[in-house]
Every structure is written in structure tokens, then in C-alpha cells.
Amino acid sequence: MVMDTQEDYKGCVIETNPEELTDGSGWKPSCIIKINPFEGTWLNTDQTFPTRDAANAASILAAKRLIDRSQKATEE
């Protein structure tokens, strides 16, 4: 697996790797959120996007939302 993008966000590392649909009609967002070098969470959705770049952006946005929700929950 070759990652597309790596971005640091609030102490986590988001690594994206959009998946092309088998029929070539679009891309699905996919990424891993690394909490540390040994722990990570895969994030996939059923949404599809027309381009790899759009799926990449959607992956990052979804990961950031998940991180924000997770951090907010631990603060309460």
C-alpha cells in the first residue's frame, strides 16, 4: 500500500489511500489515523467521488472530524 497524503492533526497522523472502484467510475475515501507508532484506526466510507483528489480530501476531513469527536468525548 502506498499512501497518498500524510497530515499531522492534533497529535495524530492521518495517512490517506483512496481506493479506485473496480469499474473505474470513481474513488472511495480510505485512511488510517495513527494515534502513535503502534496504534491506528482505519476509516472507510461508502461514499464515492469522481477523482482521487476529491476522495483524498474527503478522507482527511472525515479523519479530522473523528479525531475532534474523540478528543471532545475524552474532555467531558
N, C-alpha and C. Protein backbone atom coordinates (compact mmCIF):
# COMPACT_ATOMS: atom_id res chain seq x y z
N MET A 1 0.84 -1.18 0.00
CA MET A 1 0.00 0.00 0.00
C MET A 1 0.88 1.24 0.00
N VAL A 2 0.58 2.16 -0.89
CA VAL A 2 1.29 3.42 -0.95
C VAL A 2 0.33 4.51 -0.52
N MET A 3 0.73 5.28 0.49
CA MET A 3 -0.16 6.32 0.95
C MET A 3 -0.10 7.51 0.00
N ASP A 4 -1.20 8.24 -0.10
CA ASP A 4 -1.29 9.43 -0.92
C ASP A 4 -0.77 10.64 -0.16
N THR A 5 -1.31 10.83 1.03
CA THR A 5 -1.05 12.04 1.80
C THR A 5 -0.84 11.68 3.26
N GLN A 6 0.01 12.41 3.91
CA GLN A 6 0.19 12.27 5.36
C GLN A 6 0.05 13.65 5.96
N GLU A 7 -0.77 13.75 6.99
CA GLU A 7 -1.01 15.04 7.63
C GLU A 7 -1.06 14.86 9.14
N ASP A 8 -0.35 15.73 9.86
CA ASP A 8 -0.41 15.74 11.32
C ASP A 8 -1.61 16.58 11.75
N TYR A 9 -2.36 16.06 12.74
CA TYR A 9 -3.53 16.79 13.22
C TYR A 9 -3.76 16.44 14.68
N LYS A 10 -3.62 17.42 15.54
CA LYS A 10 -3.90 17.28 16.98
C LYS A 10 -3.23 16.06 17.59
N GLY A 11 -1.97 15.85 17.27
CA GLY A 11 -1.22 14.75 17.87
C GLY A 11 -1.40 13.41 17.18
N CYS A 12 -2.19 13.37 16.13
CA CYS A 12 -2.39 12.14 15.35
C CYS A 12 -1.80 12.33 13.96
N VAL A 13 -1.57 11.24 13.27
CA VAL A 13 -1.11 11.30 11.88
C VAL A 13 -2.18 10.64 11.02
N ILE A 14 -2.63 11.37 10.02
CA ILE A 14 -3.63 10.86 9.08
C ILE A 14 -2.89 10.48 7.80
N GLU A 15 -3.03 9.22 7.38
CA GLU A 15 -2.43 8.75 6.14
C GLU A 15 -3.56 8.29 5.23
N THR A 16 -3.68 8.93 4.08
CA THR A 16 -4.77 8.59 3.16
C THR A 16 -4.31 7.64 2.06
N ASN A 17 -5.26 6.85 1.59
CA ASN A 17 -5.03 5.95 0.47
C ASN A 17 -6.37 5.63 -0.19
N PRO A 18 -6.91 6.57 -0.99
CA PRO A 18 -8.20 6.32 -1.65
C PRO A 18 -8.16 5.06 -2.51
N GLU A 19 -9.31 4.41 -2.61
CA GLU A 19 -9.41 3.16 -3.38
C GLU A 19 -10.25 3.41 -4.64
N GLU A 20 -9.69 3.02 -5.78
CA GLU A 20 -10.45 3.17 -7.02
C GLU A 20 -11.50 2.07 -7.11
N LEU A 21 -12.70 2.43 -7.55
CA LEU A 21 -13.76 1.45 -7.73
C LEU A 21 -13.37 0.48 -8.84
N THR A 22 -13.81 -0.76 -8.70
CA THR A 22 -13.40 -1.79 -9.66
C THR A 22 -13.83 -1.48 -11.09
N ASP A 23 -14.92 -0.75 -11.23
CA ASP A 23 -15.38 -0.42 -12.60
C ASP A 23 -14.76 0.88 -13.12
N GLY A 24 -13.89 1.50 -12.30
CA GLY A 24 -13.20 2.72 -12.73
C GLY A 24 -14.04 3.97 -12.72
N SER A 25 -15.23 3.91 -12.12
CA SER A 25 -16.15 5.04 -12.17
C SER A 25 -15.93 6.08 -11.06
N GLY A 26 -15.00 5.84 -10.16
CA GLY A 26 -14.78 6.80 -9.09
C GLY A 26 -13.85 6.25 -8.03
N TRP A 27 -13.81 6.95 -6.91
CA TRP A 27 -12.89 6.64 -5.81
C TRP A 27 -13.61 6.65 -4.48
N LYS A 28 -13.19 5.76 -3.57
CA LYS A 28 -13.72 5.72 -2.21
C LYS A 28 -12.65 6.25 -1.25
N PRO A 29 -13.05 7.11 -0.31
CA PRO A 29 -12.10 7.59 0.69
C PRO A 29 -11.64 6.43 1.59
N SER A 30 -10.39 6.46 1.97
CA SER A 30 -9.83 5.46 2.88
C SER A 30 -8.60 6.06 3.53
N CYS A 31 -8.47 5.86 4.84
CA CYS A 31 -7.29 6.37 5.54
C CYS A 31 -7.09 5.63 6.85
N ILE A 32 -5.93 5.83 7.42
CA ILE A 32 -5.64 5.33 8.75
C ILE A 32 -5.29 6.54 9.61
N ILE A 33 -5.82 6.54 10.83
CA ILE A 33 -5.49 7.57 11.80
C ILE A 33 -4.55 6.93 12.81
N LYS A 34 -3.31 7.38 12.83
CA LYS A 34 -2.32 6.81 13.74
C LYS A 34 -2.26 7.65 15.01
N ILE A 35 -2.55 6.99 16.13
CA ILE A 35 -2.50 7.64 17.44
C ILE A 35 -1.07 7.67 17.95
N ASN A 36 -0.34 6.62 17.62
CA ASN A 36 1.08 6.51 17.95
C ASN A 36 1.66 5.48 16.96
N PRO A 37 2.96 5.19 17.03
CA PRO A 37 3.52 4.25 16.05
C PRO A 37 2.94 2.83 16.10
N PHE A 38 2.22 2.49 17.17
CA PHE A 38 1.72 1.13 17.34
C PHE A 38 0.21 1.01 17.26
N GLU A 39 -0.51 2.13 17.30
CA GLU A 39 -1.98 2.12 17.30
C GLU A 39 -2.52 2.96 16.17
N GLY A 40 -3.54 2.44 15.51
CA GLY A 40 -4.18 3.20 14.45
C GLY A 40 -5.60 2.71 14.25
N THR A 41 -6.38 3.54 13.58
CA THR A 41 -7.76 3.23 13.27
C THR A 41 -7.99 3.43 11.78
N TRP A 42 -8.49 2.40 11.10
CA TRP A 42 -8.83 2.54 9.69
C TRP A 42 -10.18 3.23 9.57
N LEU A 43 -10.29 4.08 8.59
CA LEU A 43 -11.54 4.80 8.34
C LEU A 43 -11.88 4.66 6.86
N ASN A 44 -13.02 4.05 6.58
CA ASN A 44 -13.52 3.89 5.21
C ASN A 44 -14.97 4.35 5.17
N THR A 45 -15.42 4.81 4.03
CA THR A 45 -16.82 5.17 3.87
C THR A 45 -17.35 4.54 2.59
N ASP A 46 -18.66 4.55 2.44
CA ASP A 46 -19.29 4.04 1.22
C ASP A 46 -19.50 5.14 0.19
N GLN A 47 -19.13 6.37 0.55
CA GLN A 47 -19.25 7.47 -0.40
C GLN A 47 -18.30 7.24 -1.56
N THR A 48 -18.63 7.80 -2.71
CA THR A 48 -17.71 7.75 -3.85
C THR A 48 -17.51 9.16 -4.38
N PHE A 49 -16.36 9.38 -4.97
CA PHE A 49 -16.00 10.68 -5.52
C PHE A 49 -15.44 10.48 -6.91
N PRO A 50 -15.59 11.49 -7.77
CA PRO A 50 -15.16 11.33 -9.16
C PRO A 50 -13.65 11.28 -9.35
N THR A 51 -12.89 11.87 -8.41
CA THR A 51 -11.44 11.91 -8.57
C THR A 51 -10.74 11.43 -7.30
N ARG A 52 -9.49 11.02 -7.48
CA ARG A 52 -8.65 10.60 -6.35
C ARG A 52 -8.45 11.77 -5.38
N ASP A 53 -8.22 12.96 -5.93
CA ASP A 53 -8.01 14.14 -5.08
C ASP A 53 -9.23 14.44 -4.21
N ALA A 54 -10.42 14.31 -4.78
CA ALA A 54 -11.65 14.56 -4.01
C ALA A 54 -11.80 13.51 -2.90
N ALA A 55 -11.49 12.26 -3.21
CA ALA A 55 -11.56 11.20 -2.20
C ALA A 55 -10.51 11.43 -1.12
N ASN A 56 -9.35 11.91 -1.51
CA ASN A 56 -8.29 12.23 -0.56
C ASN A 56 -8.75 13.31 0.42
N ALA A 57 -9.33 14.38 -0.12
CA ALA A 57 -9.82 15.48 0.71
C ALA A 57 -10.92 15.00 1.66
N ALA A 58 -11.80 14.14 1.16
CA ALA A 58 -12.88 13.60 1.99
C ALA A 58 -12.31 12.72 3.10
N SER A 59 -11.26 11.97 2.81
CA SER A 59 -10.61 11.12 3.82
C SER A 59 -10.06 11.98 4.96
N ILE A 60 -9.37 13.05 4.60
CA ILE A 60 -8.78 13.93 5.61
C ILE A 60 -9.86 14.59 6.45
N LEU A 61 -10.91 15.08 5.80
CA LEU A 61 -12.00 15.73 6.53
C LEU A 61 -12.68 14.77 7.49
N ALA A 62 -12.97 13.56 7.03
CA ALA A 62 -13.62 12.56 7.90
C ALA A 62 -12.73 12.19 9.07
N ALA A 63 -11.44 12.05 8.83
CA ALA A 63 -10.49 11.72 9.90
C ALA A 63 -10.43 12.84 10.94
N LYS A 64 -10.37 14.08 10.48
CA LYS A 64 -10.32 15.21 11.41
C LYS A 64 -11.58 15.28 12.26
N ARG A 65 -12.73 15.02 11.65
CA ARG A 65 -13.99 15.02 12.42
C ARG A 65 -13.99 13.92 13.48
N LEU A 66 -13.49 12.74 13.11
CA LEU A 66 -13.42 11.64 14.07
C LEU A 66 -12.47 11.97 15.22
N ILE A 67 -11.33 12.56 14.91
CA ILE A 67 -10.37 12.96 15.95
C ILE A 67 -11.00 14.00 16.87
N ASP A 68 -11.65 14.99 16.29
CA ASP A 68 -12.30 16.05 17.08
C ASP A 68 -13.36 15.46 18.02
N ARG A 69 -14.20 14.57 17.48
CA ARG A 69 -15.24 13.93 18.32
C ARG A 69 -14.62 13.12 19.44
N SER A 70 -13.58 12.38 19.12
CA SER A 70 -12.90 11.53 20.10
C SER A 70 -12.28 12.37 21.21
N GLN A 71 -11.62 13.45 20.83
CA GLN A 71 -10.98 14.31 21.84
C GLN A 71 -12.01 15.04 22.68
N LYS A 72 -13.12 15.44 22.07
CA LYS A 72 -14.18 16.11 22.83
C LYS A 72 -14.79 15.15 23.84
N ALA A 73 -14.99 13.91 23.46
CA ALA A 73 -15.57 12.91 24.35
C ALA A 73 -14.67 12.65 25.56
N THR A 74 -13.35 12.68 25.37
CA THR A 74 -12.44 12.43 26.49
C THR A 74 -12.34 13.63 27.41
N GLU A 75 -12.70 14.81 26.90
CA GLU A 75 -12.66 16.03 27.74
C GLU A 75 -13.87 16.10 28.65
N GLU A 76 -14.96 15.47 28.27
CA GLU A 76 -16.21 15.58 29.06
C GLU A 76 -16.23 14.64 30.23
